[in-house]
């Protein structure tokens, strides 16, 4: 494959741009791009086309995902540093804030600094159940869960959960479980951030 036209028509340039070419193919493409302006121009055109396609079809991640992801990373670091994992109690209508006091009283699991929107600390994690302390400043993004039951216990502040067109006003000590497949959003109604125990249980 020594001719620029043959290389351009081979599909190898597309593989190169996608990072799917072999080491030998990468060497060939880069050598040909140095020697032949037409190959370099085609590479640039393919890169621009793929970038435009990616931007057009990009899916904006749910803002609610980032705090729990960061909390998971921090939790894993705590375990590496020697923290013994303790499985948190399952949330239920009979749960109380006192059931989670050992975590709520920990200084390292308190909210530090200015709350931008949502912040969380994991207190327990298994493949089936994730439990966290979370703070919400104003409003969550709308979510729908198809394979996890999401449960809340209000620790501080108050909020309204809108789920499936119905509104549920919650204050300290209140419990709520979001039904599967139901869009829901949380709106803080207190002057302070709404602090909750949040639990996601594999359905």
N, C-alpha and C. Protein backbone atom coordinates (compact mmCIF):
# COMPACT_ATOMS: atom_id res chain seq x y z
N UNK A 1 0.87 -1.20 0.00
CA UNK A 1 0.00 0.00 0.00
C UNK A 1 0.89 1.24 0.00
N UNK A 2 1.45 1.50 -1.17
CA UNK A 2 2.43 2.59 -1.27
C UNK A 2 1.87 3.85 -1.91
N UNK A 3 0.66 3.77 -2.46
CA UNK A 3 0.08 4.92 -3.14
C UNK A 3 -0.91 5.64 -2.22
N UNK A 4 -0.88 6.98 -2.18
CA UNK A 4 -1.80 7.72 -1.32
C UNK A 4 -3.27 7.38 -1.58
N UNK A 5 -3.65 7.27 -2.84
CA UNK A 5 -5.05 6.99 -3.17
C UNK A 5 -5.47 5.64 -2.61
N UNK A 6 -4.59 4.66 -2.74
CA UNK A 6 -4.90 3.32 -2.24
C UNK A 6 -5.08 3.35 -0.72
N UNK A 7 -4.23 4.09 -0.02
CA UNK A 7 -4.32 4.20 1.44
C UNK A 7 -5.61 4.91 1.84
N UNK A 8 -5.93 6.00 1.17
CA UNK A 8 -7.13 6.77 1.50
C UNK A 8 -8.39 5.94 1.33
N UNK A 9 -8.42 5.10 0.32
CA UNK A 9 -9.61 4.30 0.03
C UNK A 9 -9.68 3.01 0.86
N UNK A 10 -8.62 2.70 1.59
CA UNK A 10 -8.55 1.42 2.29
C UNK A 10 -9.37 1.37 3.59
N UNK A 11 -9.67 2.54 4.16
CA UNK A 11 -10.34 2.57 5.47
C UNK A 11 -9.36 2.59 6.63
N UNK A 12 -8.08 2.49 6.33
CA UNK A 12 -7.06 2.47 7.38
C UNK A 12 -6.93 3.82 8.08
N UNK A 13 -7.17 4.89 7.35
CA UNK A 13 -7.07 6.20 7.99
C UNK A 13 -8.15 6.37 9.06
N UNK A 14 -9.34 5.84 8.80
CA UNK A 14 -10.42 5.90 9.80
C UNK A 14 -10.04 5.11 11.05
N UNK A 15 -9.45 3.92 10.83
CA UNK A 15 -9.00 3.12 11.98
C UNK A 15 -7.93 3.85 12.77
N UNK A 16 -7.05 4.53 12.08
CA UNK A 16 -5.99 5.29 12.73
C UNK A 16 -6.58 6.39 13.62
N UNK A 17 -7.52 7.14 13.08
CA UNK A 17 -8.12 8.24 13.83
C UNK A 17 -8.88 7.72 15.06
N UNK A 18 -9.51 6.54 14.92
CA UNK A 18 -10.27 5.96 16.04
C UNK A 18 -9.38 5.24 17.04
N UNK A 19 -8.07 5.16 16.75
CA UNK A 19 -7.16 4.47 17.66
C UNK A 19 -7.24 2.97 17.58
N UNK A 20 -7.75 2.45 16.45
CA UNK A 20 -7.94 1.01 16.30
C UNK A 20 -6.93 0.37 15.36
N UNK A 21 -5.93 1.12 14.90
CA UNK A 21 -4.92 0.58 13.99
C UNK A 21 -3.84 -0.16 14.78
N UNK A 22 -3.21 -1.11 14.13
CA UNK A 22 -2.12 -1.86 14.74
C UNK A 22 -0.86 -0.99 14.75
N UNK A 23 0.15 -1.36 15.53
CA UNK A 23 1.40 -0.58 15.54
C UNK A 23 2.02 -0.43 14.15
N UNK A 24 1.97 -1.51 13.36
CA UNK A 24 2.53 -1.44 12.00
C UNK A 24 1.72 -0.49 11.12
N UNK A 25 0.40 -0.54 11.28
CA UNK A 25 -0.47 0.34 10.49
C UNK A 25 -0.26 1.80 10.89
N UNK A 26 -0.07 2.04 12.19
CA UNK A 26 0.18 3.41 12.66
C UNK A 26 1.45 3.96 12.03
N UNK A 27 2.49 3.14 12.01
CA UNK A 27 3.77 3.56 11.40
C UNK A 27 3.58 3.90 9.93
N UNK A 28 2.84 3.04 9.22
CA UNK A 28 2.60 3.26 7.79
C UNK A 28 1.85 4.57 7.56
N UNK A 29 0.76 4.77 8.31
CA UNK A 29 -0.05 5.98 8.12
C UNK A 29 0.77 7.23 8.40
N UNK A 30 1.55 7.22 9.47
CA UNK A 30 2.32 8.41 9.82
C UNK A 30 3.42 8.70 8.80
N UNK A 31 4.02 7.65 8.27
CA UNK A 31 5.03 7.84 7.22
C UNK A 31 4.40 8.42 5.96
N UNK A 32 3.25 7.87 5.57
CA UNK A 32 2.57 8.35 4.37
C UNK A 32 2.08 9.78 4.55
N UNK A 33 1.63 10.11 5.76
CA UNK A 33 1.14 11.47 6.02
C UNK A 33 2.28 12.48 5.91
N UNK A 34 3.48 12.08 6.30
CA UNK A 34 4.64 12.97 6.18
C UNK A 34 5.05 13.17 4.73
N UNK A 35 4.90 12.13 3.94
CA UNK A 35 5.36 12.17 2.56
C UNK A 35 4.34 12.73 1.58
N UNK A 36 3.05 12.59 1.91
CA UNK A 36 2.00 12.96 0.96
C UNK A 36 0.98 13.91 1.59
N UNK A 37 0.92 15.15 1.16
CA UNK A 37 -0.04 16.13 1.70
C UNK A 37 -1.49 15.65 1.59
N UNK A 38 -1.82 14.88 0.54
CA UNK A 38 -3.20 14.41 0.37
C UNK A 38 -3.61 13.50 1.52
N UNK A 39 -2.66 12.68 2.01
CA UNK A 39 -2.96 11.79 3.14
C UNK A 39 -3.16 12.61 4.41
N UNK A 40 -2.30 13.61 4.63
CA UNK A 40 -2.44 14.48 5.79
C UNK A 40 -3.77 15.22 5.77
N UNK A 41 -4.16 15.72 4.61
CA UNK A 41 -5.43 16.45 4.48
C UNK A 41 -6.61 15.51 4.76
N UNK A 42 -6.51 14.28 4.28
CA UNK A 42 -7.60 13.32 4.51
C UNK A 42 -7.70 12.96 5.99
N UNK A 43 -6.56 12.80 6.64
CA UNK A 43 -6.57 12.53 8.08
C UNK A 43 -7.24 13.67 8.85
N UNK A 44 -6.89 14.90 8.50
CA UNK A 44 -7.49 16.06 9.17
C UNK A 44 -8.99 16.10 8.94
N UNK A 45 -9.42 15.80 7.71
CA UNK A 45 -10.84 15.82 7.38
C UNK A 45 -11.60 14.74 8.16
N UNK A 46 -11.01 13.55 8.26
CA UNK A 46 -11.65 12.46 9.01
C UNK A 46 -11.77 12.84 10.48
N UNK A 47 -10.71 13.41 11.04
CA UNK A 47 -10.72 13.82 12.45
C UNK A 47 -11.82 14.84 12.72
N UNK A 48 -11.95 15.84 11.83
CA UNK A 48 -12.99 16.86 12.01
C UNK A 48 -14.38 16.26 11.90
N UNK A 49 -14.56 15.34 10.96
CA UNK A 49 -15.87 14.70 10.78
C UNK A 49 -16.25 13.89 12.02
N UNK A 50 -15.31 13.12 12.54
CA UNK A 50 -15.60 12.31 13.72
C UNK A 50 -15.85 13.16 14.95
N UNK A 51 -15.10 14.26 15.06
CA UNK A 51 -15.31 15.16 16.19
C UNK A 51 -16.69 15.80 16.13
N UNK A 52 -17.11 16.21 14.92
CA UNK A 52 -18.44 16.80 14.76
C UNK A 52 -19.53 15.78 15.07
N UNK A 53 -19.32 14.54 14.64
CA UNK A 53 -20.31 13.47 14.92
C UNK A 53 -20.42 13.24 16.43
N UNK A 54 -19.25 13.20 17.11
CA UNK A 54 -19.26 12.96 18.55
C UNK A 54 -19.98 14.08 19.29
N UNK A 55 -19.74 15.31 18.89
CA UNK A 55 -20.39 16.45 19.55
C UNK A 55 -21.89 16.43 19.31
N UNK A 56 -22.30 16.05 18.08
CA UNK A 56 -23.72 16.02 17.74
C UNK A 56 -24.46 14.96 18.55
N UNK A 57 -23.81 13.82 18.78
CA UNK A 57 -24.46 12.69 19.45
C UNK A 57 -24.06 12.55 20.91
N UNK A 58 -23.37 13.53 21.44
CA UNK A 58 -22.93 13.45 22.84
C UNK A 58 -24.14 13.47 23.77
N UNK A 59 -24.06 12.68 24.83
CA UNK A 59 -25.11 12.63 25.85
C UNK A 59 -24.58 13.31 27.10
N UNK A 60 -25.28 14.33 27.54
CA UNK A 60 -24.87 15.05 28.74
C UNK A 60 -25.10 14.16 29.96
N UNK A 61 -24.06 13.90 30.74
CA UNK A 61 -24.27 13.05 31.93
C UNK A 61 -25.14 13.75 32.95
N UNK A 62 -25.91 12.97 33.68
CA UNK A 62 -26.77 13.52 34.72
C UNK A 62 -25.90 14.16 35.81
N UNK A 63 -26.17 15.42 36.19
CA UNK A 63 -25.36 16.08 37.22
C UNK A 63 -25.37 15.34 38.55
N UNK A 64 -26.42 14.52 38.80
CA UNK A 64 -26.50 13.78 40.06
C UNK A 64 -25.45 12.68 40.15
N UNK A 65 -24.90 12.27 39.01
CA UNK A 65 -23.96 11.14 38.99
C UNK A 65 -22.61 11.53 39.57
N UNK A 66 -22.12 12.72 39.25
CA UNK A 66 -20.77 13.12 39.65
C UNK A 66 -20.53 13.07 41.16
N UNK A 67 -21.43 13.62 42.00
CA UNK A 67 -21.16 13.57 43.45
C UNK A 67 -21.03 12.15 43.99
N UNK A 68 -21.87 11.23 43.52
CA UNK A 68 -21.79 9.85 44.00
C UNK A 68 -20.53 9.15 43.48
N UNK A 69 -20.12 9.50 42.27
CA UNK A 69 -18.89 8.93 41.73
C UNK A 69 -17.69 9.39 42.56
N UNK A 70 -17.62 10.69 42.85
CA UNK A 70 -16.53 11.21 43.66
C UNK A 70 -16.57 10.62 45.07
N UNK A 71 -17.78 10.43 45.60
CA UNK A 71 -17.92 9.84 46.94
C UNK A 71 -17.45 8.39 46.94
N UNK A 72 -17.70 7.68 45.85
CA UNK A 72 -17.26 6.29 45.75
C UNK A 72 -15.73 6.21 45.73
N UNK A 73 -15.10 7.11 44.97
CA UNK A 73 -13.64 7.14 44.90
C UNK A 73 -13.06 7.44 46.29
N UNK A 74 -13.65 8.42 46.99
CA UNK A 74 -13.18 8.78 48.33
C UNK A 74 -13.36 7.61 49.30
N UNK A 75 -14.46 6.90 49.17
CA UNK A 75 -14.73 5.74 50.04
C UNK A 75 -13.69 4.65 49.82
N UNK A 76 -13.35 4.39 48.57
CA UNK A 76 -12.34 3.39 48.27
C UNK A 76 -10.98 3.78 48.84
N UNK A 77 -10.67 5.07 48.83
CA UNK A 77 -9.43 5.55 49.42
C UNK A 77 -9.44 5.34 50.93
N UNK A 78 -10.59 5.58 51.56
CA UNK A 78 -10.69 5.37 53.01
C UNK A 78 -10.45 3.90 53.36
N UNK A 79 -10.99 3.00 52.54
CA UNK A 79 -10.78 1.58 52.79
C UNK A 79 -9.31 1.20 52.62
N UNK A 80 -8.65 1.78 51.61
CA UNK A 80 -7.23 1.51 51.40
C UNK A 80 -6.40 1.96 52.59
N UNK A 81 -6.86 3.05 53.22
CA UNK A 81 -6.12 3.60 54.36
C UNK A 81 -6.42 2.86 55.66
N UNK A 82 -7.28 1.83 55.59
CA UNK A 82 -7.50 0.99 56.76
C UNK A 82 -8.86 1.08 57.40
N UNK A 83 -9.76 1.90 56.89
CA UNK A 83 -11.10 1.95 57.48
C UNK A 83 -11.80 0.61 57.30
N UNK A 84 -12.36 0.09 58.37
CA UNK A 84 -13.08 -1.18 58.31
C UNK A 84 -14.49 -0.94 57.77
N UNK A 85 -14.88 -1.64 56.72
CA UNK A 85 -16.23 -1.44 56.19
C UNK A 85 -17.29 -1.95 57.16
N UNK A 86 -18.30 -1.13 57.37
CA UNK A 86 -19.44 -1.50 58.21
C UNK A 86 -20.69 -1.32 57.36
N UNK A 87 -21.48 -2.38 57.25
CA UNK A 87 -22.67 -2.30 56.42
C UNK A 87 -23.75 -1.48 57.13
N UNK A 88 -24.21 -0.43 56.47
CA UNK A 88 -25.22 0.44 57.06
C UNK A 88 -26.57 -0.27 57.12
N UNK A 89 -27.42 0.12 58.09
CA UNK A 89 -28.75 -0.49 58.16
C UNK A 89 -29.57 -0.18 56.90
N UNK A 90 -30.44 -1.10 56.55
CA UNK A 90 -31.33 -0.87 55.42
C UNK A 90 -32.35 0.20 55.79
N UNK A 91 -32.56 1.13 54.87
CA UNK A 91 -33.59 2.15 55.09
C UNK A 91 -34.98 1.54 54.93
N UNK A 92 -35.88 1.95 55.79
CA UNK A 92 -37.26 1.48 55.74
C UNK A 92 -38.15 2.54 56.37
N UNK A 93 -39.46 2.40 56.27
CA UNK A 93 -40.35 3.39 56.90
C UNK A 93 -40.14 3.54 58.40
N UNK A 94 -39.57 2.52 59.05
CA UNK A 94 -39.35 2.60 60.50
C UNK A 94 -37.96 3.12 60.86
N UNK A 95 -37.13 3.45 59.86
CA UNK A 95 -35.78 3.96 60.13
C UNK A 95 -35.85 5.32 60.81
N UNK A 96 -34.84 5.59 61.65
CA UNK A 96 -34.72 6.89 62.29
C UNK A 96 -33.33 7.46 62.03
N UNK A 97 -33.19 8.74 62.23
CA UNK A 97 -31.89 9.39 62.06
C UNK A 97 -30.86 8.78 63.00
N UNK A 98 -31.29 8.37 64.20
CA UNK A 98 -30.37 7.78 65.18
C UNK A 98 -29.72 6.51 64.67
N UNK A 99 -30.37 5.80 63.76
CA UNK A 99 -29.81 4.56 63.22
C UNK A 99 -28.49 4.81 62.48
N UNK A 100 -28.27 6.06 62.07
CA UNK A 100 -27.08 6.40 61.27
C UNK A 100 -26.16 7.37 62.00
N UNK A 101 -26.38 7.50 63.32
CA UNK A 101 -25.65 8.50 64.09
C UNK A 101 -24.14 8.26 64.08
N UNK A 102 -23.69 7.01 64.04
CA UNK A 102 -22.24 6.76 64.07
C UNK A 102 -21.53 7.37 62.87
N UNK A 103 -22.25 7.48 61.77
CA UNK A 103 -21.66 8.11 60.58
C UNK A 103 -21.92 9.62 60.58
N UNK A 104 -23.09 10.01 61.03
CA UNK A 104 -23.44 11.44 61.04
C UNK A 104 -22.56 12.22 62.01
N UNK A 105 -22.03 11.56 63.03
CA UNK A 105 -21.19 12.24 64.01
C UNK A 105 -19.71 12.29 63.62
N UNK A 106 -19.36 11.64 62.53
CA UNK A 106 -17.95 11.62 62.14
C UNK A 106 -17.55 12.93 61.47
N UNK A 107 -16.51 13.60 61.99
CA UNK A 107 -16.07 14.87 61.39
C UNK A 107 -15.64 14.73 59.93
N UNK A 108 -15.04 13.57 59.58
CA UNK A 108 -14.56 13.39 58.21
C UNK A 108 -15.69 13.14 57.22
N UNK A 109 -16.90 12.92 57.73
CA UNK A 109 -18.05 12.73 56.85
C UNK A 109 -19.01 13.92 56.92
N UNK A 110 -18.52 15.03 57.44
CA UNK A 110 -19.33 16.26 57.49
C UNK A 110 -19.13 17.03 56.19
N UNK A 111 -20.01 17.97 55.96
CA UNK A 111 -19.89 18.85 54.80
C UNK A 111 -18.81 19.88 55.08
N UNK A 112 -17.81 19.95 54.22
CA UNK A 112 -16.73 20.92 54.42
C UNK A 112 -16.71 21.88 53.24
N UNK A 113 -16.58 23.15 53.54
CA UNK A 113 -16.55 24.17 52.49
C UNK A 113 -17.95 24.54 52.01
N UNK A 114 -17.97 25.35 50.99
CA UNK A 114 -19.22 25.86 50.43
C UNK A 114 -19.87 24.79 49.55
N UNK A 115 -21.15 24.54 49.78
CA UNK A 115 -21.89 23.58 48.97
C UNK A 115 -22.29 24.22 47.65
N UNK A 116 -21.81 23.67 46.55
CA UNK A 116 -22.14 24.22 45.24
C UNK A 116 -23.52 23.76 44.79
N UNK A 117 -23.78 22.48 44.87
CA UNK A 117 -25.07 21.96 44.44
C UNK A 117 -25.42 20.68 45.20
N UNK A 118 -24.64 19.62 44.94
CA UNK A 118 -24.85 18.34 45.62
C UNK A 118 -23.49 17.84 46.12
N UNK A 119 -23.49 17.30 47.33
CA UNK A 119 -22.27 16.70 47.87
C UNK A 119 -22.66 15.42 48.59
N UNK A 120 -21.75 14.44 48.58
CA UNK A 120 -22.06 13.16 49.22
C UNK A 120 -20.83 12.51 49.81
N UNK A 121 -21.05 11.70 50.87
CA UNK A 121 -20.03 10.82 51.45
C UNK A 121 -20.64 9.43 51.53
N UNK A 122 -19.99 8.43 50.95
CA UNK A 122 -20.45 7.06 51.10
C UNK A 122 -20.17 6.58 52.52
N UNK A 123 -21.12 5.85 53.08
CA UNK A 123 -20.91 5.27 54.41
C UNK A 123 -20.89 3.75 54.33
N UNK A 124 -21.40 3.19 53.23
CA UNK A 124 -21.43 1.74 53.09
C UNK A 124 -21.66 1.41 51.63
N UNK A 125 -20.99 0.34 51.17
CA UNK A 125 -21.17 -0.05 49.75
C UNK A 125 -20.96 -1.54 49.58
N UNK A 126 -21.95 -2.19 48.98
CA UNK A 126 -21.85 -3.58 48.56
C UNK A 126 -22.37 -3.63 47.13
N UNK A 127 -22.21 -4.75 46.44
CA UNK A 127 -22.77 -4.83 45.08
C UNK A 127 -24.28 -4.61 45.03
N UNK A 128 -24.95 -4.87 46.15
CA UNK A 128 -26.42 -4.75 46.16
C UNK A 128 -26.92 -3.43 46.72
N UNK A 129 -26.18 -2.83 47.65
CA UNK A 129 -26.69 -1.65 48.37
C UNK A 129 -25.58 -0.61 48.53
N UNK A 130 -25.90 0.63 48.16
CA UNK A 130 -25.00 1.76 48.39
C UNK A 130 -25.74 2.74 49.29
N UNK A 131 -25.07 3.16 50.37
CA UNK A 131 -25.67 4.10 51.31
C UNK A 131 -24.75 5.30 51.47
N UNK A 132 -25.31 6.49 51.46
CA UNK A 132 -24.50 7.70 51.55
C UNK A 132 -25.22 8.78 52.35
N UNK A 133 -24.41 9.70 52.87
CA UNK A 133 -24.93 10.95 53.40
C UNK A 133 -24.82 11.96 52.26
N UNK A 134 -25.89 12.68 51.99
CA UNK A 134 -25.86 13.63 50.87
C UNK A 134 -26.50 14.95 51.27
N UNK A 135 -26.01 16.01 50.64
CA UNK A 135 -26.55 17.36 50.84
C UNK A 135 -27.00 17.90 49.49
N UNK A 136 -28.17 18.49 49.46
CA UNK A 136 -28.69 19.12 48.25
C UNK A 136 -29.00 20.58 48.57
N UNK A 137 -28.42 21.47 47.77
CA UNK A 137 -28.58 22.90 48.05
C UNK A 137 -29.91 23.45 47.57
N UNK A 138 -30.28 23.12 46.32
CA UNK A 138 -31.52 23.70 45.77
C UNK A 138 -32.42 22.66 45.13
N UNK A 139 -31.92 22.02 44.07
CA UNK A 139 -32.78 21.11 43.30
C UNK A 139 -31.93 20.07 42.60
N UNK A 140 -32.43 18.84 42.53
CA UNK A 140 -31.74 17.79 41.80
C UNK A 140 -32.22 17.78 40.35
N UNK A 141 -31.45 17.16 39.49
CA UNK A 141 -31.90 16.93 38.13
C UNK A 141 -32.88 15.77 38.12
N UNK A 142 -33.73 15.73 37.12
CA UNK A 142 -34.70 14.64 37.03
C UNK A 142 -33.98 13.33 36.74
N UNK A 143 -34.40 12.28 37.43
CA UNK A 143 -33.82 10.95 37.24
C UNK A 143 -34.94 9.92 37.08
N UNK A 144 -34.56 8.79 36.49
CA UNK A 144 -35.43 7.62 36.44
C UNK A 144 -34.54 6.42 36.72
N UNK A 145 -34.96 5.55 37.64
CA UNK A 145 -34.18 4.35 37.96
C UNK A 145 -34.96 3.12 37.52
N UNK A 146 -34.30 2.27 36.73
CA UNK A 146 -34.94 1.06 36.24
C UNK A 146 -34.44 -0.20 36.94
N UNK A 147 -33.30 -0.10 37.62
CA UNK A 147 -32.75 -1.29 38.26
C UNK A 147 -32.29 -1.03 39.69
N UNK A 148 -32.66 0.14 40.25
CA UNK A 148 -32.31 0.46 41.63
C UNK A 148 -33.49 1.12 42.32
N UNK A 149 -33.75 0.69 43.54
CA UNK A 149 -34.72 1.38 44.39
C UNK A 149 -33.97 2.47 45.14
N UNK A 150 -34.44 3.70 45.04
CA UNK A 150 -33.78 4.83 45.72
C UNK A 150 -34.62 5.22 46.93
N UNK A 151 -33.97 5.25 48.08
CA UNK A 151 -34.66 5.54 49.34
C UNK A 151 -34.01 6.74 50.02
N UNK A 152 -34.83 7.52 50.70
CA UNK A 152 -34.35 8.73 51.38
C UNK A 152 -34.83 8.76 52.82
N UNK A 153 -33.96 9.25 53.71
CA UNK A 153 -34.34 9.59 55.07
C UNK A 153 -33.82 11.00 55.33
N UNK A 154 -34.71 11.91 55.66
CA UNK A 154 -34.32 13.31 55.82
C UNK A 154 -33.66 13.51 57.19
N UNK A 155 -32.45 14.09 57.17
CA UNK A 155 -31.69 14.33 58.39
C UNK A 155 -31.79 15.78 58.83
N UNK A 156 -31.69 16.70 57.89
CA UNK A 156 -31.81 18.14 58.17
C UNK A 156 -32.52 18.80 57.01
N UNK A 157 -33.21 19.91 57.31
CA UNK A 157 -33.89 20.66 56.26
C UNK A 157 -35.17 19.97 55.81
N UNK A 158 -35.64 20.39 54.65
CA UNK A 158 -36.89 19.83 54.11
C UNK A 158 -36.86 19.92 52.59
N UNK A 159 -37.73 19.14 51.96
CA UNK A 159 -37.77 19.13 50.51
C UNK A 159 -39.12 18.62 50.02
N UNK A 160 -39.33 18.79 48.73
CA UNK A 160 -40.49 18.19 48.06
C UNK A 160 -39.95 17.27 46.98
N UNK A 161 -40.36 16.02 47.02
CA UNK A 161 -40.02 15.08 45.95
C UNK A 161 -41.22 14.97 45.04
N UNK A 162 -41.01 15.27 43.78
CA UNK A 162 -42.06 15.11 42.78
C UNK A 162 -41.77 13.84 41.99
N UNK A 163 -42.68 12.88 42.07
CA UNK A 163 -42.48 11.59 41.41
C UNK A 163 -43.79 11.18 40.73
N UNK A 164 -43.70 10.94 39.44
CA UNK A 164 -44.88 10.51 38.71
C UNK A 164 -46.05 11.48 38.79
N UNK A 165 -45.73 12.78 38.85
CA UNK A 165 -46.78 13.79 38.89
C UNK A 165 -47.31 14.06 40.29
N UNK A 166 -46.88 13.33 41.29
CA UNK A 166 -47.32 13.56 42.67
C UNK A 166 -46.20 14.23 43.46
N UNK A 167 -46.59 15.04 44.44
CA UNK A 167 -45.62 15.73 45.28
C UNK A 167 -45.68 15.19 46.70
N UNK A 168 -44.50 15.01 47.28
CA UNK A 168 -44.40 14.50 48.64
C UNK A 168 -43.51 15.44 49.43
N UNK A 169 -44.07 16.09 50.45
CA UNK A 169 -43.32 17.02 51.29
C UNK A 169 -42.65 16.23 52.42
N UNK A 170 -41.34 16.41 52.53
CA UNK A 170 -40.58 15.65 53.52
C UNK A 170 -39.80 16.60 54.42
N UNK A 171 -39.75 16.24 55.70
CA UNK A 171 -38.97 17.00 56.67
C UNK A 171 -38.20 16.01 57.54
N UNK A 172 -37.50 16.52 58.54
CA UNK A 172 -36.60 15.69 59.35
C UNK A 172 -37.30 14.43 59.87
N UNK A 173 -36.67 13.28 59.62
CA UNK A 173 -37.20 12.00 60.07
C UNK A 173 -38.10 11.30 59.08
N UNK A 174 -38.47 11.99 57.99
CA UNK A 174 -39.37 11.38 57.00
C UNK A 174 -38.60 10.46 56.06
N UNK A 175 -39.29 9.42 55.62
CA UNK A 175 -38.73 8.40 54.71
C UNK A 175 -39.54 8.40 53.41
N UNK A 176 -38.84 8.16 52.32
CA UNK A 176 -39.54 8.01 51.03
C UNK A 176 -38.75 7.08 50.13
N UNK A 177 -39.47 6.21 49.42
CA UNK A 177 -38.84 5.34 48.41
C UNK A 177 -39.41 5.69 47.05
N UNK A 178 -38.51 5.94 46.09
CA UNK A 178 -38.93 6.29 44.74
C UNK A 178 -39.31 5.01 43.99
N UNK A 179 -40.50 4.95 43.40
CA UNK A 179 -40.86 3.76 42.63
C UNK A 179 -39.96 3.58 41.40
N UNK A 180 -39.78 2.35 40.97
CA UNK A 180 -39.02 2.07 39.76
C UNK A 180 -39.72 2.69 38.55
N UNK A 181 -38.93 3.09 37.57
CA UNK A 181 -39.40 3.57 36.27
C UNK A 181 -40.18 4.88 36.35
N UNK A 182 -40.08 5.59 37.47
CA UNK A 182 -40.84 6.83 37.66
C UNK A 182 -39.88 8.03 37.67
N UNK A 183 -40.05 8.98 36.76
CA UNK A 183 -39.21 10.19 36.81
C UNK A 183 -39.44 10.94 38.12
N UNK A 184 -38.37 11.43 38.71
CA UNK A 184 -38.51 12.15 39.98
C UNK A 184 -37.47 13.25 40.08
N UNK A 185 -37.81 14.25 40.86
CA UNK A 185 -36.92 15.39 41.08
C UNK A 185 -37.13 15.87 42.51
N UNK A 186 -36.08 16.43 43.11
CA UNK A 186 -36.15 16.90 44.49
C UNK A 186 -35.94 18.41 44.51
N UNK A 187 -36.82 19.11 45.22
CA UNK A 187 -36.72 20.56 45.37
C UNK A 187 -36.58 20.87 46.86
N UNK A 188 -35.49 21.54 47.23
CA UNK A 188 -35.27 21.91 48.63
C UNK A 188 -36.22 23.04 49.00
N UNK A 189 -36.85 22.92 50.16
CA UNK A 189 -37.81 23.94 50.61
C UNK A 189 -37.34 24.65 51.88
N UNK A 190 -36.21 24.25 52.43
CA UNK A 190 -35.70 24.87 53.66
C UNK A 190 -34.64 25.92 53.34
N UNK A 191 -34.36 26.74 54.32
CA UNK A 191 -33.33 27.77 54.14
C UNK A 191 -31.92 27.17 54.18
N UNK A 192 -31.82 25.98 54.71
CA UNK A 192 -30.53 25.28 54.76
C UNK A 192 -30.55 24.13 53.76
N UNK A 193 -29.39 23.63 53.36
CA UNK A 193 -29.39 22.47 52.45
C UNK A 193 -30.14 21.29 53.07
N UNK A 194 -30.74 20.51 52.23
CA UNK A 194 -31.43 19.31 52.69
C UNK A 194 -30.39 18.20 52.80
N UNK A 195 -30.22 17.70 54.01
CA UNK A 195 -29.26 16.62 54.29
C UNK A 195 -30.03 15.32 54.44
N UNK A 196 -29.60 14.30 53.71
CA UNK A 196 -30.36 13.04 53.71
C UNK A 196 -29.42 11.85 53.83
N UNK A 197 -29.97 10.75 54.31
CA UNK A 197 -29.37 9.44 54.08
C UNK A 197 -30.02 8.92 52.81
N UNK A 198 -29.22 8.63 51.82
CA UNK A 198 -29.74 8.11 50.55
C UNK A 198 -29.21 6.69 50.37
N UNK A 199 -30.10 5.82 49.94
CA UNK A 199 -29.72 4.42 49.74
C UNK A 199 -30.25 3.95 48.40
N UNK A 200 -29.37 3.29 47.64
CA UNK A 200 -29.77 2.70 46.38
C UNK A 200 -29.62 1.19 46.48
N UNK A 201 -30.72 0.50 46.23
CA UNK A 201 -30.79 -0.95 46.42
C UNK A 201 -31.07 -1.61 45.09
N UNK A 202 -30.27 -2.59 44.72
CA UNK A 202 -30.49 -3.30 43.47
C UNK A 202 -31.87 -3.93 43.48
N UNK A 203 -32.62 -3.69 42.40
CA UNK A 203 -34.00 -4.19 42.33
C UNK A 203 -34.02 -5.59 41.71
